[in-house]
Every structure is written in C-alpha cells, then in structure tokens.
Amino acid sequence: MVRARADRFSIALSSIRMVVTDRLIGYDGPGDNVVHDTQLIGISQALGQEEAVIEADAPTRSGAVLRCSFSHHVSSARGARSQVPLDELIGTTARLLYDLSSDEDEKLMSFLGDDDQQTISPWNQPPLFES
C-alpha cells in the first residue's frame, strides 16, 4: 500500500521498515529508490502477505530526507539541523500517509502551489547589535 502510493505520486523511498508478526524488518538502499527493488519485492512475496510498513524515508527535491511514521501519522526531517520547505513536508507526508483521491491530491497541490517554484532561502537572524 505504501509503495503503491509512493509509486503513484513518484515519491522515492530510500528506506522502509516493516513489521511482520512480531518481527521488524528494515530494508535500506544506498540512497536508491527501493519502491521497485526486485529484492524487496521478492522479500514481500516470500513473506506471503502485504508487509505492514511502519516507517519509510523519503528524500525530497530540496535534498532533505523525511522519515514518515505510519503508526503515528507523523513526519520529520532526518538530521538535527535539517530544513524542509513546507510544501515538500506537507505534500510528501500527506501523499504517503493517506490514500488520497485524485480530487484530494489536486486540491492539495493547488493549496501548496506550483511544484516548479524556487525554494526561498531560509530566514536568518539579523545582527543583534548595530556596529
């Protein structure tokens, strides 16, 4: 289900953590998109069931990596000082965590704005004391 949503919206996943019965299984690629990875597909088929993905890492176009938690319905940037543009955070998270209809996705994209917008530079603290 998660890999199908990632594929539908062309969201790369570089890491997937899933639970099967009482076991955790992690599958990471060296920065690669594992959505169509033949080894992961083979593992899923060998398990004989749809894997229950609990977390996935999704690189964004700005270079940040979002860790999406499907059990808690939250997403956060990996790394202590990571910054993620709000449109990428909301767009990627909503598309992965929820089974959006085409109409819902269109409304979301309309709300977030054009995908081709340039990322605005981050705000910086002005000097506290004038020279």
C-alpha atoms as a PDB file:
ATOM      1  CA  MET A   1       0.000   0.000   0.000  1.00  0.00           C
ATOM      2  CA  VAL A   2       2.746   2.472   0.955  1.00  0.00           C
ATOM      3  CA  ARG A   3       4.905   1.512  -2.021  1.00  0.00           C
ATOM      4  CA  ALA A   4       1.862   1.834  -4.304  1.00  0.00           C
ATOM      5  CA  ARG A   5       1.195   5.381  -3.031  1.00  0.00           C
ATOM      6  CA  ALA A   6       4.889   6.285  -3.400  1.00  0.00           C
ATOM      7  CA  ASP A   7       4.818   4.947  -6.960  1.00  0.00           C
ATOM      8  CA  ARG A   8       1.568   6.755  -7.802  1.00  0.00           C
ATOM      9  CA  PHE A   9       2.986  10.129  -6.747  1.00  0.00           C
ATOM     10  CA  SER A  10       6.583   9.463  -7.906  1.00  0.00           C
ATOM     11  CA  ILE A  11       7.959   9.679  -4.367  1.00  0.00           C
ATOM     12  CA  ALA A  12      11.263   7.897  -3.900  1.00  0.00           C
ATOM     13  CA  LEU A  13      11.721   5.797  -0.763  1.00  0.00           C
ATOM     14  CA  SER A  14      15.303   5.152   0.329  1.00  0.00           C
ATOM     15  CA  SER A  15      14.439   3.040   3.362  1.00  0.00           C
ATOM     16  CA  ILE A  16      11.472   1.003   4.576  1.00  0.00           C
ATOM     17  CA  ARG A  17      10.881  -0.547   7.982  1.00  0.00           C
ATOM     18  CA  MET A  18       8.084  -3.070   8.284  1.00  0.00           C
ATOM     19  CA  VAL A  19       6.638  -5.386  10.882  1.00  0.00           C
ATOM     20  CA  VAL A  20       5.635  -8.959  10.183  1.00  0.00           C
ATOM     21  CA  THR A  21       4.006 -10.819  13.068  1.00  0.00           C
ATOM     22  CA  ASP A  22       6.338  -9.838  15.918  1.00  0.00           C
ATOM     23  CA  ARG A  23       9.460  -9.176  13.835  1.00  0.00           C
ATOM     24  CA  LEU A  24      10.845  -5.901  12.484  1.00  0.00           C
ATOM     25  CA  ILE A  25      12.426  -5.897   9.049  1.00  0.00           C
ATOM     26  CA  GLY A  26      14.406  -2.973   7.664  1.00  0.00           C
ATOM     27  CA  TYR A  27      15.304  -2.516   4.024  1.00  0.00           C
ATOM     28  CA  ASP A  28      17.653   0.304   3.055  1.00  0.00           C
ATOM     29  CA  GLY A  29      19.205   1.307  -0.224  1.00  0.00           C
ATOM     30  CA  PRO A  30      22.363   3.381  -0.604  1.00  0.00           C
ATOM     31  CA  GLY A  31      20.276   6.455  -1.453  1.00  0.00           C
ATOM     32  CA  ASP A  32      18.421   4.497  -4.129  1.00  0.00           C
ATOM     33  CA  ASN A  33      14.676   4.331  -4.605  1.00  0.00           C
ATOM     34  CA  VAL A  34      13.610   0.947  -3.234  1.00  0.00           C
ATOM     35  CA  VAL A  35       9.960   1.174  -4.373  1.00  0.00           C
ATOM     36  CA  HIS A  36      10.547  -1.130  -7.377  1.00  0.00           C
ATOM     37  CA  ASP A  37      13.544  -3.000  -5.950  1.00  0.00           C
ATOM     38  CA  THR A  38      13.382  -6.625  -7.066  1.00  0.00           C
ATOM     39  CA  GLN A  39      14.895  -7.926  -3.825  1.00  0.00           C
ATOM     40  CA  LEU A  40      12.284  -6.080  -1.744  1.00  0.00           C
ATOM     41  CA  ILE A  41       9.521  -7.412  -3.990  1.00  0.00           C
ATOM     42  CA  GLY A  42      10.967 -10.917  -3.505  1.00  0.00           C
ATOM     43  CA  ILE A  43      11.009 -10.470   0.279  1.00  0.00           C
ATOM     44  CA  SER A  44       7.378  -9.316   0.234  1.00  0.00           C
ATOM     45  CA  GLN A  45       6.371 -12.317  -1.871  1.00  0.00           C
ATOM     46  CA  ALA A  46       8.324 -14.711   0.371  1.00  0.00           C
ATOM     47  CA  LEU A  47       6.501 -13.365   3.410  1.00  0.00           C
ATOM     48  CA  GLY A  48       3.264 -14.204   1.639  1.00  0.00           C
ATOM     49  CA  GLN A  49       1.453 -11.087   2.764  1.00  0.00           C
ATOM     50  CA  GLU A  50       1.305  -7.335   2.272  1.00  0.00           C
ATOM     51  CA  GLU A  51       4.037  -6.034   4.521  1.00  0.00           C
ATOM     52  CA  ALA A  52       2.957  -3.635   7.257  1.00  0.00           C
ATOM     53  CA  VAL A  53       5.211  -0.637   6.704  1.00  0.00           C
ATOM     54  CA  ILE A  54       5.703   1.303   9.918  1.00  0.00           C
ATOM     55  CA  GLU A  55       8.324   3.811   8.707  1.00  0.00           C
ATOM     56  CA  ALA A  56       9.833   4.980   5.446  1.00  0.00           C
ATOM     57  CA  ASP A  57      12.466   7.534   4.487  1.00  0.00           C
ATOM     58  CA  ALA A  58      11.619   9.766   1.535  1.00  0.00           C
ATOM     59  CA  PRO A  59      14.234  12.095   0.024  1.00  0.00           C
ATOM     60  CA  THR A  60      12.712  15.377  -1.152  1.00  0.00           C
ATOM     61  CA  ARG A  61      13.729  17.506  -4.131  1.00  0.00           C
ATOM     62  CA  SER A  62      15.425  20.021  -1.790  1.00  0.00           C
ATOM     63  CA  GLY A  63      17.738  17.258  -0.543  1.00  0.00           C
ATOM     64  CA  ALA A  64      16.178  16.753   2.882  1.00  0.00           C
ATOM     65  CA  VAL A  65      15.088  13.268   3.906  1.00  0.00           C
ATOM     66  CA  LEU A  66      11.706  12.869   5.576  1.00  0.00           C
ATOM     67  CA  ARG A  67      11.109   9.995   7.965  1.00  0.00           C
ATOM     68  CA  CYS A  68       7.419   9.132   7.800  1.00  0.00           C
ATOM     69  CA  SER A  69       5.913   7.138  10.659  1.00  0.00           C
ATOM     70  CA  PHE A  70       2.780   5.304   9.540  1.00  0.00           C
ATOM     71  CA  SER A  71       1.954   4.046  13.026  1.00  0.00           C
ATOM     72  CA  HIS A  72       1.973   7.588  14.494  1.00  0.00           C
ATOM     73  CA  HIS A  73       0.919   9.532  11.346  1.00  0.00           C
ATOM     74  CA  VAL A  74       3.794  11.999  11.640  1.00  0.00           C
ATOM     75  CA  SER A  75       6.744  13.002   9.530  1.00  0.00           C
ATOM     76  CA  SER A  76      10.002  14.711  10.422  1.00  0.00           C
ATOM     77  CA  ALA A  77      13.251  15.649   8.745  1.00  0.00           C
ATOM     78  CA  ARG A  78      16.219  13.416   9.466  1.00  0.00           C
ATOM     79  CA  GLY A  79      19.144  15.272  10.974  1.00  0.00           C
ATOM     80  CA  ALA A  80      19.252  17.783  13.798  1.00  0.00           C
ATOM     81  CA  ARG A  81      19.553  20.871  11.604  1.00  0.00           C
ATOM     82  CA  SER A  82      17.586  19.748   8.575  1.00  0.00           C
ATOM     83  CA  GLN A  83      15.271  22.247   6.982  1.00  0.00           C
ATOM     84  CA  VAL A  84      12.418  21.189   4.727  1.00  0.00           C
ATOM     85  CA  PRO A  85      10.295  23.584   2.682  1.00  0.00           C
ATOM     86  CA  LEU A  86       6.738  23.429   3.984  1.00  0.00           C
ATOM     87  CA  ASP A  87       5.255  22.414   0.617  1.00  0.00           C
ATOM     88  CA  GLU A  88       7.587  19.393   0.467  1.00  0.00           C
ATOM     89  CA  LEU A  89       6.874  18.431   4.082  1.00  0.00           C
ATOM     90  CA  ILE A  90       3.098  18.604   3.708  1.00  0.00           C
ATOM     91  CA  GLY A  91       2.919  17.265   0.142  1.00  0.00           C
ATOM     92  CA  THR A  92       5.173  14.266   0.698  1.00  0.00           C
ATOM     93  CA  THR A  93       3.699  13.421   4.091  1.00  0.00           C
ATOM     94  CA  ALA A  94       0.052  13.641   3.028  1.00  0.00           C
ATOM     95  CA  ARG A  95       0.654  11.630  -0.146  1.00  0.00           C
ATOM     96  CA  LEU A  96       2.460   8.838   1.707  1.00  0.00           C
ATOM     97  CA  LEU A  97       0.374   8.639   4.878  1.00  0.00           C
ATOM     98  CA  TYR A  98      -3.099   8.902   3.355  1.00  0.00           C
ATOM     99  CA  ASP A  99      -4.827   7.248   0.431  1.00  0.00           C
ATOM    100  CA  LEU A 100      -5.729  10.495  -1.357  1.00  0.00           C
ATOM    101  CA  SER A 101      -8.196  10.509  -4.210  1.00  0.00           C
ATOM    102  CA  SER A 102      -7.208  12.306  -7.413  1.00  0.00           C
ATOM    103  CA  ASP A 103      -9.504  15.183  -6.429  1.00  0.00           C
ATOM    104  CA  GLU A 104      -7.963  15.437  -2.939  1.00  0.00           C
ATOM    105  CA  ASP A 105      -4.457  15.410  -4.392  1.00  0.00           C
ATOM    106  CA  GLU A 106      -5.394  18.108  -6.907  1.00  0.00           C
ATOM    107  CA  LYS A 107      -6.784  20.287  -4.096  1.00  0.00           C
ATOM    108  CA  LEU A 108      -3.658  19.689  -2.014  1.00  0.00           C
ATOM    109  CA  MET A 109      -1.373  20.665  -4.879  1.00  0.00           C
ATOM    110  CA  SER A 110      -3.496  23.735  -5.582  1.00  0.00           C
ATOM    111  CA  PHE A 111      -3.144  24.735  -1.928  1.00  0.00           C
ATOM    112  CA  LEU A 112       0.616  24.121  -1.815  1.00  0.00           C
ATOM    113  CA  GLY A 113       1.394  25.906  -5.069  1.00  0.00           C
ATOM    114  CA  ASP A 114       3.457  25.146  -8.134  1.00  0.00           C
ATOM    115  CA  ASP A 115       5.981  22.291  -7.887  1.00  0.00           C
ATOM    116  CA  ASP A 116       8.426  24.273 -10.012  1.00  0.00           C
ATOM    117  CA  GLN A 117       8.663  27.187  -7.596  1.00  0.00           C
ATOM    118  CA  GLN A 118      12.146  28.077  -6.484  1.00  0.00           C
ATOM    119  CA  THR A 119      12.885  27.300  -2.865  1.00  0.00           C
ATOM    120  CA  ILE A 120      13.067  30.543  -0.930  1.00  0.00           C
ATOM    121  CA  SER A 121      16.236  30.985   1.086  1.00  0.00           C
ATOM    122  CA  PRO A 122      15.808  30.360   4.811  1.00  0.00           C
ATOM    123  CA  TRP A 123      15.328  33.220   7.232  1.00  0.00           C
ATOM    124  CA  ASN A 124      18.456  34.351   9.077  1.00  0.00           C
ATOM    125  CA  GLN A 125      18.673  36.121  12.407  1.00  0.00           C
ATOM    126  CA  PRO A 126      19.679  39.775  11.850  1.00  0.00           C
ATOM    127  CA  PRO A 127      22.580  41.099  13.960  1.00  0.00           C
ATOM    128  CA  LEU A 128      21.500  41.871  17.490  1.00  0.00           C
ATOM    129  CA  PHE A 129      23.779  44.853  17.869  1.00  0.00           C
ATOM    130  CA  GLU A 130      24.417  47.564  15.323  1.00  0.00           C
ATOM    131  CA  SER A 131      28.024  48.356  14.566  1.00  0.00           C
END
